[in-house]
Each structure stands twice: as C-alpha cells, then as structure tokens.
Amino acid sequence: MDVKGRTAIVFGGTSGIGLATSIKLMAMGASVTAVSRNPAKSDLPATLSTAAVDVCDAAAVEAFFNDQPEIDILVNSATGGGRAIGPFAEMDVDGFKNSFAKLWGYSHVLRFGIDKMAKDGSIVLVSGTPARRCKPGLVALSAVGGAVEALVRAVAPEIAPIRLNVVSPGFIDTPMVSLSGAERAAHYEKLTKDHAIARAGTADEVADAILFAIQNDFVTGTTIDVDGGWLLA
C-alpha cells in the first residue's frame, strides 16, 4: 500500500506509539485523524486532526465511525483504561476485570470500523509481548494481550481482503511510565537486563513495525514482534 493520499484513523493517536504512528503517516502523505479520550491534554503538531472518543463507549465509537468517509488505514493503540499488576493469586478481581477494557475498546473499534474500511484497507492493533511470554506480575497484561491476538487471528479470515494484523511491543519508553531522569533509566535497565537488546524500545521503532504491517500487502492475521529479544530471554 502506498499511504500517500490515503485516509487513516489512529486510536490512541495523541501520545506514545499512536502519536509516533500518526506523525509518520502524515509525513508519508496520509490524511490522519488521531483519536483519544482527551486530545486537548496533549502537545500535538498543529497539522494533526484530532477527535475525542472513549473507546470503551461502544455507542460513541459507533457514532464516530458513522460520521467517517471510507477509511484506508485503521490503527488502535489505545489502552482503554487501567492495568492490574501483580501475582494473580493476590490480585483484586475487579482490577483484573478492568484490565480487559483494552480488549473491549479494541473490539468496539474493530466491530464498527470494519464496515467503513476500503476493500484494500489495513487494520493494525497493538498487543504486547506478555501475551506469549509473561514476566512475573504481568498476568493481566498477558491474558488481555493473548485475547487480542486470538481475536485478530479469528477475524482476519472473515474480513479478507481487508488485512488485519497485530504489532506486539516489549518494554517501550513512552509517557505511560511517569518516572524521570536516573530513576527512569534504572527502571528500564532492570526490566531489560536479560534481553538480547538490553534497553527499552522507542515509540518510533514500534511505529515503524505498524507501518510495515500497513504497507505490506502480503501480511495478514499475524503478530509482528518489536521486543528487543524479550521472547528469547
């Protein structure tokens, strides 16, 4: 796919991986709308169009897509809500359930976005390495990520020739981590010390994988890993 002149919608597109993807798509000539709960909170490029939608609100997502023209590119990196951390046997049940807000948000965007996709369109969802190799304390992320990846494998054959893929990042240095300075560096060093590439990835590195999934017309129903060797550790 040549993205120049194409219409792209990026949920979670005003920060982190989503923003990096939005910026790269714009630089390649796509018409991009970045969607998040509150775009006004972010410092964004003046040329980036935005929309405010809560992906967990099915009616709001449906109404948003009803107002859209045909879409060529649809990306969702929106987390949907909080994420429970810790051992499953000690986890608050409601906290575990709330972690699945990401799955419901992805489901809403996929369900209502499909009908607006061009026949040669491309959809990319963002999962995470815990889906297939869970570190201690990441059981909720693992369960949700596994569900996202299973959803994609099941839906991709149904919607062909529209293509649907997952990009699965490892530890990525994004604003989701509130630490700063030496404390932030030590945090990522500890998390990645056993990885083949012993550092956190960048939002741009993940966005490059998303662009690969968008542009390569022979890729669908698969997971692309951008994890610095986490799966090998």
C-alpha atoms as a PDB file:
ATOM      1  CA  MET A   1       0.000   0.000   0.000  1.00  0.00           C
ATOM      2  CA  ASP A   2       1.179   3.466  -0.888  1.00  0.00           C
ATOM      3  CA  VAL A   3      -0.142   5.533   2.034  1.00  0.00           C
ATOM      4  CA  LYS A   4       0.116   8.859   0.213  1.00  0.00           C
ATOM      5  CA  GLY A   5      -3.342  10.356  -0.130  1.00  0.00           C
ATOM      6  CA  ARG A   6      -4.919   7.611   1.996  1.00  0.00           C
ATOM      7  CA  THR A   7      -7.297   8.197   4.910  1.00  0.00           C
ATOM      8  CA  ALA A   8      -6.005   6.990   8.289  1.00  0.00           C
ATOM      9  CA  ILE A   9      -7.620   6.828  11.728  1.00  0.00           C
ATOM     10  CA  VAL A  10      -5.314   6.221  14.711  1.00  0.00           C
ATOM     11  CA  PHE A  11      -6.957   5.487  18.065  1.00  0.00           C
ATOM     12  CA  GLY A  12      -4.612   6.325  20.904  1.00  0.00           C
ATOM     13  CA  GLY A  13      -3.029   8.605  18.326  1.00  0.00           C
ATOM     14  CA  THR A  14      -2.219  11.575  20.568  1.00  0.00           C
ATOM     15  CA  SER A  15       0.561  10.033  22.677  1.00  0.00           C
ATOM     16  CA  GLY A  16       3.266   7.382  22.701  1.00  0.00           C
ATOM     17  CA  ILE A  17       3.153   4.728  19.979  1.00  0.00           C
ATOM     18  CA  GLY A  18      -0.064   6.093  18.473  1.00  0.00           C
ATOM     19  CA  LEU A  19       1.320   9.615  18.145  1.00  0.00           C
ATOM     20  CA  ALA A  20       4.549   8.339  16.579  1.00  0.00           C
ATOM     21  CA  THR A  21       2.433   6.398  14.080  1.00  0.00           C
ATOM     22  CA  SER A  22       0.251   9.421  13.333  1.00  0.00           C
ATOM     23  CA  ILE A  23       3.292  11.615  12.675  1.00  0.00           C
ATOM     24  CA  LYS A  24       4.933   9.059  10.394  1.00  0.00           C
ATOM     25  CA  LEU A  25       1.739   8.536   8.399  1.00  0.00           C
ATOM     26  CA  MET A  26       1.344  12.315   7.950  1.00  0.00           C
ATOM     27  CA  ALA A  27       4.968  12.606   6.796  1.00  0.00           C
ATOM     28  CA  MET A  28       4.222   9.979   4.142  1.00  0.00           C
ATOM     29  CA  GLY A  29       1.252  11.960   2.842  1.00  0.00           C
ATOM     30  CA  ALA A  30      -1.688  10.259   4.553  1.00  0.00           C
ATOM     31  CA  SER A  31      -4.688  12.217   5.859  1.00  0.00           C
ATOM     32  CA  VAL A  32      -4.645  11.333   9.567  1.00  0.00           C
ATOM     33  CA  THR A  33      -7.141  11.746  12.392  1.00  0.00           C
ATOM     34  CA  ALA A  34      -5.736  10.974  15.837  1.00  0.00           C
ATOM     35  CA  VAL A  35      -8.388   9.837  18.316  1.00  0.00           C
ATOM     36  CA  SER A  36      -8.197   9.753  22.119  1.00  0.00           C
ATOM     37  CA  ARG A  37     -10.344  10.437  25.154  1.00  0.00           C
ATOM     38  CA  ASN A  38      -8.986  13.950  25.582  1.00  0.00           C
ATOM     39  CA  PRO A  39      -6.757  15.197  22.740  1.00  0.00           C
ATOM     40  CA  ALA A  40      -6.583  18.640  24.359  1.00  0.00           C
ATOM     41  CA  LYS A  41      -4.284  17.204  27.053  1.00  0.00           C
ATOM     42  CA  SER A  42      -1.513  16.546  24.530  1.00  0.00           C
ATOM     43  CA  ASP A  43       1.015  18.822  22.834  1.00  0.00           C
ATOM     44  CA  LEU A  44       0.383  17.878  19.214  1.00  0.00           C
ATOM     45  CA  PRO A  45       1.546  19.013  15.768  1.00  0.00           C
ATOM     46  CA  ALA A  46      -0.683  21.816  14.526  1.00  0.00           C
ATOM     47  CA  THR A  47      -1.382  19.923  11.302  1.00  0.00           C
ATOM     48  CA  LEU A  48      -2.715  16.796  13.055  1.00  0.00           C
ATOM     49  CA  SER A  49      -6.509  16.469  13.057  1.00  0.00           C
ATOM     50  CA  THR A  50      -7.962  15.050  16.274  1.00  0.00           C
ATOM     51  CA  ALA A  51     -11.206  13.667  17.663  1.00  0.00           C
ATOM     52  CA  ALA A  52     -12.331  12.882  21.216  1.00  0.00           C
ATOM     53  CA  VAL A  53     -13.778   9.369  21.649  1.00  0.00           C
ATOM     54  CA  ASP A  54     -13.697   6.958  24.587  1.00  0.00           C
ATOM     55  CA  VAL A  55     -13.060   3.532  23.024  1.00  0.00           C
ATOM     56  CA  CYS A  56     -14.829   1.853  25.951  1.00  0.00           C
ATOM     57  CA  ASP A  57     -18.080   3.607  24.989  1.00  0.00           C
ATOM     58  CA  ALA A  58     -19.498   1.406  22.218  1.00  0.00           C
ATOM     59  CA  ALA A  59     -22.189   3.908  21.242  1.00  0.00           C
ATOM     60  CA  ALA A  60     -19.633   6.717  20.952  1.00  0.00           C
ATOM     61  CA  VAL A  61     -17.331   4.578  18.805  1.00  0.00           C
ATOM     62  CA  GLU A  62     -20.221   3.585  16.530  1.00  0.00           C
ATOM     63  CA  ALA A  63     -21.333   7.207  16.174  1.00  0.00           C
ATOM     64  CA  PHE A  64     -17.776   8.278  15.334  1.00  0.00           C
ATOM     65  CA  PHE A  65     -17.476   5.739  12.525  1.00  0.00           C
ATOM     66  CA  ASN A  66     -20.934   6.604  11.194  1.00  0.00           C
ATOM     67  CA  ASP A  67     -19.605  10.106  10.515  1.00  0.00           C
ATOM     68  CA  GLN A  68     -16.464   8.943   8.697  1.00  0.00           C
ATOM     69  CA  PRO A  69     -15.877   8.546   4.962  1.00  0.00           C
ATOM     70  CA  GLU A  70     -14.225   5.385   3.660  1.00  0.00           C
ATOM     71  CA  ILE A  71     -11.101   4.505   5.662  1.00  0.00           C
ATOM     72  CA  ASP A  72      -7.915   3.014   4.208  1.00  0.00           C
ATOM     73  CA  ILE A  73      -5.868   2.637   7.398  1.00  0.00           C
ATOM     74  CA  LEU A  74      -7.123   1.942  10.931  1.00  0.00           C
ATOM     75  CA  VAL A  75      -4.742   1.662  13.891  1.00  0.00           C
ATOM     76  CA  ASN A  76      -5.623   1.119  17.542  1.00  0.00           C
ATOM     77  CA  SER A  77      -3.042   1.534  20.300  1.00  0.00           C
ATOM     78  CA  ALA A  78      -5.471   2.904  22.918  1.00  0.00           C
ATOM     79  CA  THR A  79      -5.117   1.131  26.268  1.00  0.00           C
ATOM     80  CA  GLY A  80      -8.784   1.646  27.159  1.00  0.00           C
ATOM     81  CA  GLY A  81      -8.181   2.044  30.895  1.00  0.00           C
ATOM     82  CA  GLY A  82      -6.121   0.828  33.850  1.00  0.00           C
ATOM     83  CA  ARG A  83      -3.868  -2.227  34.002  1.00  0.00           C
ATOM     84  CA  ALA A  84      -3.634  -4.514  37.029  1.00  0.00           C
ATOM     85  CA  ILE A  85      -0.096  -5.537  38.020  1.00  0.00           C
ATOM     86  CA  GLY A  86       0.934  -8.348  40.362  1.00  0.00           C
ATOM     87  CA  PRO A  87       0.513 -12.083  41.004  1.00  0.00           C
ATOM     88  CA  PHE A  88      -2.884 -13.451  40.027  1.00  0.00           C
ATOM     89  CA  ALA A  89      -3.412 -15.142  43.421  1.00  0.00           C
ATOM     90  CA  GLU A  90      -3.098 -11.751  45.125  1.00  0.00           C
ATOM     91  CA  MET A  91      -4.937  -9.691  42.539  1.00  0.00           C
ATOM     92  CA  ASP A  92      -8.122  -7.758  43.157  1.00  0.00           C
ATOM     93  CA  VAL A  93     -10.752  -9.427  40.967  1.00  0.00           C
ATOM     94  CA  ASP A  94     -12.213  -6.131  39.794  1.00  0.00           C
ATOM     95  CA  GLY A  95      -8.722  -4.876  38.933  1.00  0.00           C
ATOM     96  CA  PHE A  96      -8.158  -7.936  36.780  1.00  0.00           C
ATOM     97  CA  LYS A  97     -11.515  -7.488  35.055  1.00  0.00           C
ATOM     98  CA  ASN A  98     -10.854  -3.789  34.449  1.00  0.00           C
ATOM     99  CA  SER A  99      -7.636  -4.657  32.618  1.00  0.00           C
ATOM    100  CA  PHE A 100      -9.834  -6.078  29.858  1.00  0.00           C
ATOM    101  CA  ALA A 101     -11.044  -2.573  28.996  1.00  0.00           C
ATOM    102  CA  LYS A 102      -8.305  -2.695  26.344  1.00  0.00           C
ATOM    103  CA  LEU A 103      -9.931  -5.737  24.724  1.00  0.00           C
ATOM    104  CA  TRP A 104     -13.392  -4.183  24.792  1.00  0.00           C
ATOM    105  CA  GLY A 105     -12.047  -0.953  23.300  1.00  0.00           C
ATOM    106  CA  TYR A 106     -10.300  -2.867  20.530  1.00  0.00           C
ATOM    107  CA  SER A 107     -13.455  -4.886  19.925  1.00  0.00           C
ATOM    108  CA  HIS A 108     -15.562  -1.739  19.576  1.00  0.00           C
ATOM    109  CA  VAL A 109     -13.148  -0.118  17.122  1.00  0.00           C
ATOM    110  CA  LEU A 110     -12.819  -3.299  15.091  1.00  0.00           C
ATOM    111  CA  ARG A 111     -16.538  -4.096  15.065  1.00  0.00           C
ATOM    112  CA  PHE A 112     -17.696  -0.655  13.946  1.00  0.00           C
ATOM    113  CA  GLY A 113     -14.628   0.240  11.872  1.00  0.00           C
ATOM    114  CA  ILE A 114     -14.783  -2.784   9.554  1.00  0.00           C
ATOM    115  CA  ASP A 115     -17.858  -1.508   7.703  1.00  0.00           C
ATOM    116  CA  LYS A 116     -16.017   1.721   6.803  1.00  0.00           C
ATOM    117  CA  MET A 117     -12.832   0.078   5.527  1.00  0.00           C
ATOM    118  CA  ALA A 118     -11.772   0.156   1.893  1.00  0.00           C
ATOM    119  CA  LYS A 119     -11.533  -3.326   0.375  1.00  0.00           C
ATOM    120  CA  ASP A 120      -7.737  -2.993   0.188  1.00  0.00           C
ATOM    121  CA  GLY A 121      -7.596  -1.421   3.648  1.00  0.00           C
ATOM    122  CA  SER A 122      -5.301  -2.330   6.534  1.00  0.00           C
ATOM    123  CA  ILE A 123      -6.089  -2.571  10.258  1.00  0.00           C
ATOM    124  CA  VAL A 124      -3.403  -2.842  12.945  1.00  0.00           C
ATOM    125  CA  LEU A 125      -3.934  -3.456  16.665  1.00  0.00           C
ATOM    126  CA  VAL A 126      -1.215  -3.202  19.328  1.00  0.00           C
ATOM    127  CA  SER A 127      -0.783  -6.072  21.779  1.00  0.00           C
ATOM    128  CA  GLY A 128       2.301  -6.742  23.921  1.00  0.00           C
ATOM    129  CA  THR A 129       4.987  -9.374  24.499  1.00  0.00           C
ATOM    130  CA  PRO A 130       3.399 -10.654  27.763  1.00  0.00           C
ATOM    131  CA  ALA A 131       0.745 -12.278  25.538  1.00  0.00           C
ATOM    132  CA  ARG A 132       3.254 -15.032  24.717  1.00  0.00           C
ATOM    133  CA  ARG A 133       6.000 -14.725  27.356  1.00  0.00           C
ATOM    134  CA  CYS A 134       4.721 -13.435  30.669  1.00  0.00           C
ATOM    135  CA  LYS A 135       7.099 -11.950  33.226  1.00  0.00           C
ATOM    136  CA  PRO A 136       6.202 -12.072  36.947  1.00  0.00           C
ATOM    137  CA  GLY A 137       3.392  -9.676  37.806  1.00  0.00           C
ATOM    138  CA  LEU A 138       2.147  -9.239  34.229  1.00  0.00           C
ATOM    139  CA  VAL A 139      -0.556 -11.919  34.216  1.00  0.00           C
ATOM    140  CA  ALA A 140      -3.369  -9.434  33.477  1.00  0.00           C
ATOM    141  CA  LEU A 141      -1.460  -7.959  30.538  1.00  0.00           C
ATOM    142  CA  SER A 142      -0.705 -11.470  29.317  1.00  0.00           C
ATOM    143  CA  ALA A 143      -4.348 -12.538  29.417  1.00  0.00           C
ATOM    144  CA  VAL A 144      -5.568  -9.403  27.649  1.00  0.00           C
ATOM    145  CA  GLY A 145      -2.815  -9.482  25.027  1.00  0.00           C
ATOM    146  CA  GLY A 146      -3.486 -13.148  24.331  1.00  0.00           C
ATOM    147  CA  ALA A 147      -7.153 -12.369  23.796  1.00  0.00           C
ATOM    148  CA  VAL A 148      -6.320  -9.516  21.404  1.00  0.00           C
ATOM    149  CA  GLU A 149      -4.044 -11.720  19.330  1.00  0.00           C
ATOM    150  CA  ALA A 150      -6.619 -14.548  19.228  1.00  0.00           C
ATOM    151  CA  LEU A 151      -9.272 -12.037  18.131  1.00  0.00           C
ATOM    152  CA  VAL A 152      -7.101 -10.915  15.232  1.00  0.00           C
ATOM    153  CA  ARG A 153      -6.342 -14.454  14.061  1.00  0.00           C
ATOM    154  CA  ALA A 154     -10.064 -15.282  14.152  1.00  0.00           C
ATOM    155  CA  VAL A 155     -11.339 -12.123  12.450  1.00  0.00           C
ATOM    156  CA  ALA A 156      -8.679 -11.702   9.743  1.00  0.00           C
ATOM    157  CA  PRO A 157     -10.024 -14.531   7.525  1.00  0.00           C
ATOM    158  CA  GLU A 158     -13.583 -13.242   7.940  1.00  0.00           C
ATOM    159  CA  ILE A 159     -12.843  -9.751   6.641  1.00  0.00           C
ATOM    160  CA  ALA A 160     -10.373 -10.516   3.837  1.00  0.00           C
ATOM    161  CA  PRO A 161      -9.316  -8.876   1.549  1.00  0.00           C
ATOM    162  CA  ILE A 162      -9.134  -6.210   4.280  1.00  0.00           C
ATOM    163  CA  ARG A 163      -5.926  -7.010   6.158  1.00  0.00           C
ATOM    164  CA  LEU A 164      -5.760  -7.253   9.971  1.00  0.00           C
ATOM    165  CA  ASN A 165      -2.537  -7.628  11.968  1.00  0.00           C
ATOM    166  CA  VAL A 166      -1.078  -7.174  15.446  1.00  0.00           C
ATOM    167  CA  VAL A 167       2.129  -5.418  16.449  1.00  0.00           C
ATOM    168  CA  SER A 168       3.447  -6.689  19.787  1.00  0.00           C
ATOM    169  CA  PRO A 169       5.872  -4.350  21.608  1.00  0.00           C
ATOM    170  CA  GLY A 170       8.128  -5.228  24.507  1.00  0.00           C
ATOM    171  CA  PHE A 171       9.129  -2.596  27.068  1.00  0.00           C
ATOM    172  CA  ILE A 172       8.796   0.761  25.284  1.00  0.00           C
ATOM    173  CA  ASP A 173       9.897   4.147  26.627  1.00  0.00           C
ATOM    174  CA  THR A 174       6.614   6.103  26.482  1.00  0.00           C
ATOM    175  CA  PRO A 175       4.757   8.621  28.705  1.00  0.00           C
ATOM    176  CA  MET A 176       2.821   5.721  30.285  1.00  0.00           C
ATOM    177  CA  VAL A 177       5.773   5.444  32.694  1.00  0.00           C
ATOM    178  CA  SER A 178       5.817   8.537  34.904  1.00  0.00           C
ATOM    179  CA  LEU A 179       9.398   8.178  36.220  1.00  0.00           C
ATOM    180  CA  SER A 180      12.078  10.616  35.079  1.00  0.00           C
ATOM    181  CA  GLY A 181      15.836  11.055  34.990  1.00  0.00           C
ATOM    182  CA  ALA A 182      18.099   8.463  36.594  1.00  0.00           C
ATOM    183  CA  GLU A 183      15.128   6.702  38.180  1.00  0.00           C
ATOM    184  CA  ARG A 184      13.546   6.167  34.759  1.00  0.00           C
ATOM    185  CA  ALA A 185      16.817   4.897  33.269  1.00  0.00           C
ATOM    186  CA  ALA A 186      17.293   2.454  36.171  1.00  0.00           C
ATOM    187  CA  HIS A 187      13.715   1.220  35.780  1.00  0.00           C
ATOM    188  CA  TYR A 188      14.175   0.264  32.133  1.00  0.00           C
ATOM    189  CA  GLU A 189      17.666  -1.115  32.745  1.00  0.00           C
ATOM    190  CA  LYS A 190      16.283  -3.502  35.367  1.00  0.00           C
ATOM    191  CA  LEU A 191      13.410  -4.615  33.131  1.00  0.00           C
ATOM    192  CA  THR A 192      15.564  -5.340  30.072  1.00  0.00           C
ATOM    193  CA  LYS A 193      18.913  -6.505  31.509  1.00  0.00           C
ATOM    194  CA  ASP A 194      18.306 -10.118  30.371  1.00  0.00           C
ATOM    195  CA  HIS A 195      17.147  -9.178  26.866  1.00  0.00           C
ATOM    196  CA  ALA A 196      19.288  -9.553  23.750  1.00  0.00           C
ATOM    197  CA  ILE A 197      18.883  -5.801  23.217  1.00  0.00           C
ATOM    198  CA  ALA A 198      19.228  -4.522  26.771  1.00  0.00           C
ATOM    199  CA  ARG A 199      17.268  -1.283  26.579  1.00  0.00           C
ATOM    200  CA  ALA A 200      13.721  -0.050  26.216  1.00  0.00           C
ATOM    201  CA  GLY A 201      12.416   0.387  22.711  1.00  0.00           C
ATOM    202  CA  THR A 202      11.135   3.675  21.326  1.00  0.00           C
ATOM    203  CA  ALA A 203       7.691   4.633  20.112  1.00  0.00           C
ATOM    204  CA  ASP A 204       9.207   5.278  16.670  1.00  0.00           C
ATOM    205  CA  GLU A 205      10.559   1.715  16.490  1.00  0.00           C
ATOM    206  CA  VAL A 206       7.091   0.314  17.161  1.00  0.00           C
ATOM    207  CA  ALA A 207       5.518   2.771  14.711  1.00  0.00           C
ATOM    208  CA  ASP A 208       7.896   1.503  12.015  1.00  0.00           C
ATOM    209  CA  ALA A 209       6.516  -2.019  12.552  1.00  0.00           C
ATOM    210  CA  ILE A 210       2.962  -0.688  12.324  1.00  0.00           C
ATOM    211  CA  LEU A 211       3.855   0.977   9.030  1.00  0.00           C
ATOM    212  CA  PHE A 212       5.290  -2.310   7.761  1.00  0.00           C
ATOM    213  CA  ALA A 213       2.001  -4.065   8.577  1.00  0.00           C
ATOM    214  CA  ILE A 214       0.092  -1.294   6.799  1.00  0.00           C
ATOM    215  CA  GLN A 215       2.245  -1.184   3.671  1.00  0.00           C
ATOM    216  CA  ASN A 216       2.966  -4.884   3.067  1.00  0.00           C
ATOM    217  CA  ASP A 217       0.001  -6.240   1.121  1.00  0.00           C
ATOM    218  CA  PHE A 218       1.030  -9.869   1.724  1.00  0.00           C
ATOM    219  CA  VAL A 219       0.753  -9.808   5.531  1.00  0.00           C
ATOM    220  CA  THR A 220      -2.463 -10.534   7.428  1.00  0.00           C
ATOM    221  CA  GLY A 221      -3.616 -12.331  10.560  1.00  0.00           C
ATOM    222  CA  THR A 222      -0.158 -12.322  12.109  1.00  0.00           C
ATOM    223  CA  THR A 223       1.773 -10.832  15.032  1.00  0.00           C
ATOM    224  CA  ILE A 224       4.868  -8.703  14.457  1.00  0.00           C
ATOM    225  CA  ASP A 225       7.207  -8.575  17.461  1.00  0.00           C
ATOM    226  CA  VAL A 226       9.166  -5.454  18.404  1.00  0.00           C
ATOM    227  CA  ASP A 227      10.511  -6.645  21.742  1.00  0.00           C
ATOM    228  CA  GLY A 228      14.310  -6.295  21.859  1.00  0.00           C
ATOM    229  CA  GLY A 229      14.636 -10.061  22.313  1.00  0.00           C
ATOM    230  CA  TRP A 230      12.189 -10.422  25.217  1.00  0.00           C
ATOM    231  CA  LEU A 231      10.771 -13.638  23.708  1.00  0.00           C
ATOM    232  CA  LEU A 232      14.301 -15.093  23.665  1.00  0.00           C
ATOM    233  CA  ALA A 233      15.174 -14.179  27.254  1.00  0.00           C
END
